[in-house]
Protein backbone atom coordinates (compact mmCIF):
# COMPACT_ATOMS: atom_id res chain seq x y z
CA MET A 1 0.97 12.82 8.81
CA LYS A 2 -2.17 13.80 6.91
CA GLU A 3 -2.94 16.74 9.09
CA ILE A 4 0.69 18.01 8.64
CA TYR A 5 0.53 18.25 5.02
CA ARG A 6 -2.92 19.79 5.60
CA GLN A 7 -1.45 22.40 7.72
CA PHE A 8 1.49 23.33 5.37
CA ALA A 9 -1.05 23.57 2.52
CA HIS A 10 -3.19 25.76 4.88
CA MET A 11 -0.31 28.16 5.58
CA LEU A 12 0.95 28.17 2.11
CA PHE A 13 -2.96 28.85 0.57
CA GLY A 14 -2.79 31.59 3.03
CA LEU A 15 0.07 33.26 2.29
CA VAL A 16 -0.64 33.04 -1.62
CA ILE A 17 -3.85 34.82 -0.67
CA ALA A 18 -2.22 37.60 1.24
CA GLY A 19 0.26 37.93 -1.72
CA PHE A 20 -2.43 37.94 -4.31
CA ILE A 21 -4.13 41.07 -2.42
CA TYR A 22 -0.70 42.90 -2.04
CA TYR A 23 -0.23 42.56 -5.63
CA VAL A 24 -3.67 43.46 -6.94
CA GLN A 25 -4.04 46.60 -4.17
CA PHE A 26 -1.78 48.49 -6.45
CA ILE A 27 -3.77 47.84 -9.37
CA ASN A 28 -7.23 48.43 -8.05
CA GLU A 29 -8.41 47.30 -4.46
CA ALA A 30 -11.85 46.72 -5.58
CA TYR A 31 -10.51 43.78 -8.05
CA ALA A 32 -9.13 41.82 -5.23
CA THR A 33 -12.70 42.00 -3.39
CA LEU A 34 -14.41 41.32 -6.71
CA THR A 35 -12.12 38.21 -7.38
CA LEU A 36 -12.39 36.87 -3.85
CA ILE A 37 -16.22 37.21 -4.08
CA ALA A 38 -16.27 35.17 -7.12
CA VAL A 39 -13.73 32.60 -5.48
CA VAL A 40 -16.31 32.15 -2.55
CA PHE A 41 -19.31 31.78 -5.03
CA VAL A 42 -17.38 29.13 -7.00
CA GLY A 43 -15.84 27.40 -3.98
CA VAL A 44 -19.29 26.75 -2.60
CA LEU A 45 -20.57 25.51 -5.87
CA ILE A 46 -17.50 23.09 -5.92
CA ALA A 47 -17.91 22.08 -2.43
CA ASP A 48 -21.49 21.28 -2.92
CA ALA A 49 -20.67 19.28 -5.95
CA VAL A 50 -18.09 17.13 -3.99
CA TYR A 51 -20.16 16.73 -1.05
CA ARG A 52 -22.96 15.28 -3.37
CA GLY A 53 -20.40 12.79 -4.90
CA ILE A 54 -19.69 14.64 -7.99
CA ASN A 55 -15.93 14.16 -9.19
CA VAL A 56 -14.48 17.81 -9.61
CA PRO A 57 -11.20 17.16 -11.50
CA LEU A 58 -8.04 18.45 -9.19
CA PHE A 59 -10.51 19.71 -6.47
CA SER A 60 -11.88 16.18 -5.56
CA PHE A 61 -8.27 14.98 -5.38
CA LEU A 62 -7.35 17.99 -3.28
CA ILE A 63 -10.26 17.48 -0.78
CA GLU A 64 -9.87 13.82 -0.51
CA LYS A 65 -6.07 14.28 0.18
CA LEU A 66 -6.19 17.29 2.61
CA GLU A 67 -9.89 17.75 4.11
CA ARG A 68 -10.65 16.30 7.36
CA LYS A 69 -13.14 13.48 7.23
CA ASP A 70 -16.79 14.17 8.41
CA THR A 71 -16.96 17.85 7.56
CA PHE A 72 -18.28 19.97 4.52
CA PRO A 73 -15.77 20.02 1.86
CA GLY A 74 -13.80 23.27 1.88
CA LYS A 75 -15.62 24.51 4.90
CA GLY A 76 -12.48 26.26 6.42
CA THR A 77 -11.43 27.60 3.24
CA ILE A 78 -14.91 29.34 2.59
CA TYR A 79 -14.78 30.68 6.04
CA PHE A 80 -11.23 31.78 5.32
CA PHE A 81 -12.59 33.78 2.49
CA ILE A 82 -15.63 35.20 4.19
CA ALA A 83 -13.03 36.34 6.69
CA THR A 84 -10.80 38.08 4.01
CA LEU A 85 -13.81 39.75 2.41
CA PHE A 86 -14.96 41.10 5.87
CA CYS A 87 -11.43 42.55 6.42
CA LEU A 88 -11.02 44.01 3.10
CA ALA A 89 -14.71 45.77 3.52
CA PHE A 90 -13.92 47.08 6.95
CA PHE A 91 -10.06 47.67 7.19
CA GLY A 92 -8.78 47.79 3.98
CA SER A 93 -5.88 45.68 2.18
CA THR A 94 -3.12 46.56 4.49
CA ILE A 95 -4.86 45.37 7.79
CA THR A 96 -6.31 42.30 5.59
CA ILE A 97 -2.99 41.21 4.63
CA ILE A 98 -1.65 41.11 7.91
CA ALA A 99 -4.71 39.44 9.48
CA ILE A 100 -4.39 36.51 6.66
CA VAL A 101 -0.65 36.19 7.27
CA MET A 102 -1.09 36.05 10.92
CA ARG A 103 -3.97 33.52 10.68
CA SER A 104 -1.53 31.34 8.15
CA VAL A 105 1.11 31.28 10.43
CA LEU A 106 -0.35 30.96 13.81
CA ASP A 107 -3.04 28.47 13.24
CA SER A 108 -0.84 26.11 11.01
CA ALA A 109 2.12 26.25 13.97
CA THR A 110 -0.40 25.72 16.41
CA THR A 111 -1.77 22.58 15.08
CA ILE A 112 1.55 21.31 14.04
CA ALA A 113 3.03 21.72 17.53
CA GLY A 114 0.09 20.32 18.93
CA ILE A 115 0.16 17.15 17.05
CA ASN A 116 3.88 16.65 17.54
CA PHE A 117 4.58 17.97 21.15
CA GLY A 118 1.46 18.53 22.64
CA ARG A 119 1.03 16.80 26.12
CA ARG A 120 -1.22 19.09 28.22
CA LYS A 121 -4.81 19.67 26.74
CA ILE A 122 -6.08 22.88 28.20
CA PHE A 123 -9.39 23.37 25.81
CA GLY A 124 -11.06 20.42 24.31
CA LYS A 125 -8.22 18.70 22.02
CA LYS A 126 -6.17 21.85 22.20
CA THR A 127 -2.64 21.65 24.14
CA LEU A 128 -0.79 24.22 26.03
CA GLU A 129 2.36 23.61 23.79
CA GLY A 130 0.66 23.98 20.53
CA THR A 131 -1.18 27.02 21.86
CA LEU A 132 2.03 28.60 22.92
CA CYS A 133 4.01 27.53 19.94
CA GLY A 134 1.59 29.23 17.50
CA ILE A 135 1.54 32.22 19.78
CA GLY A 136 5.18 32.36 19.38
CA ALA A 137 5.03 31.98 15.77
CA GLY A 138 2.58 34.85 15.63
CA PHE A 139 4.81 37.04 17.36
CA VAL A 140 7.90 36.26 15.19
CA ILE A 141 5.60 37.07 12.12
CA MET A 142 4.12 40.09 13.18
CA LEU A 143 7.52 41.53 14.03
CA PHE A 144 7.89 42.02 10.28
CA PHE A 145 4.60 44.48 10.36
CA THR A 146 4.80 46.14 13.94
CA GLY A 147 6.61 46.63 17.10
CA PRO A 148 7.45 44.32 19.93
CA LEU A 149 4.68 45.34 22.24
CA ASN A 150 1.83 45.30 19.29
CA ALA A 151 3.22 41.92 18.05
CA ILE A 152 2.89 40.39 21.37
CA ILE A 153 -0.54 41.95 21.72
CA LEU A 154 -1.78 40.71 18.18
CA ALA A 155 -0.26 37.05 18.70
CA THR A 156 -1.83 36.54 21.94
CA ALA A 157 -5.23 37.71 21.18
CA ALA A 158 -5.15 35.33 18.01
CA GLY A 159 -3.63 32.51 19.98
CA VAL A 160 -6.65 32.77 22.38
CA THR A 161 -9.01 33.27 19.76
CA GLU A 162 -7.49 30.17 17.91
CA LEU A 163 -7.81 28.18 21.19
CA VAL A 164 -11.37 29.10 22.38
CA SER A 165 -13.30 30.18 19.17
CA PRO A 166 -16.87 28.68 19.44
CA VAL A 167 -16.85 28.72 15.79
CA ASP A 168 -14.17 27.87 12.93
CA ASP A 169 -10.84 29.77 13.66
CA ASN A 170 -10.69 30.36 9.90
CA LEU A 171 -13.44 32.91 10.44
CA THR A 172 -12.45 34.55 13.69
CA ILE A 173 -8.57 34.80 13.66
CA PRO A 174 -8.42 37.34 10.60
CA VAL A 175 -11.38 39.20 12.06
CA VAL A 176 -10.06 39.57 15.68
CA THR A 177 -6.46 40.30 14.32
CA GLY A 178 -7.92 42.98 11.80
CA VAL A 179 -10.24 44.61 14.52
CA LEU A 180 -6.85 44.76 16.72
CA LEU A 181 -4.95 46.28 14.09
CA TRP A 182 -7.44 48.76 13.17
CA LEU A 183 -7.72 49.67 17.08
CA LEU A 184 -4.02 49.94 17.48
CA ALA A 185 -3.45 52.12 14.47
CA GLY A 186 -6.41 54.24 15.46
CA VAL A 187 -4.55 55.28 18.67
CA ARG A 188 -1.36 55.73 16.56
CA ILE A 189 0.53 52.91 18.44
CA LEU A 190 1.41 50.75 15.06
């Protein structure tokens, strides 16, 4: 049950960050980037403090309740912010927002479905049912941003990335989605 709560928090957190970037882009896109850089820096400091056993109000509680055991506290969040900064730097705010929404929805849907309905393992602990549900959720959410053909391309690529990524998928899903969005926009398909 803890993992399901963690995934809902994971999705909500990503959508809040996408909303923040959406709102701030109208004021000053550089402000969003600078704010995220500051958040990464402070996040690493907090994660290190918690890892060393220092009680950091609110953050220690959240990490204890939502973080997986035997991992550096906040590792996925730090990777997520690094991927977000990368996308902002190379693709701008619109592509970054869409990439974050994809990561937030697809990754959480994959894990929740895999835990509750997954029966056939296809890669490590990952299941066919979880992967297909994640791709389906990614497809539906991408329909708000693009046409059906691009939505299936983006969702399938993000789902395969989530399935086989050799590093944390919080780092790879936004980047893969961002690159594909950039390529699709570059050939005027979007």
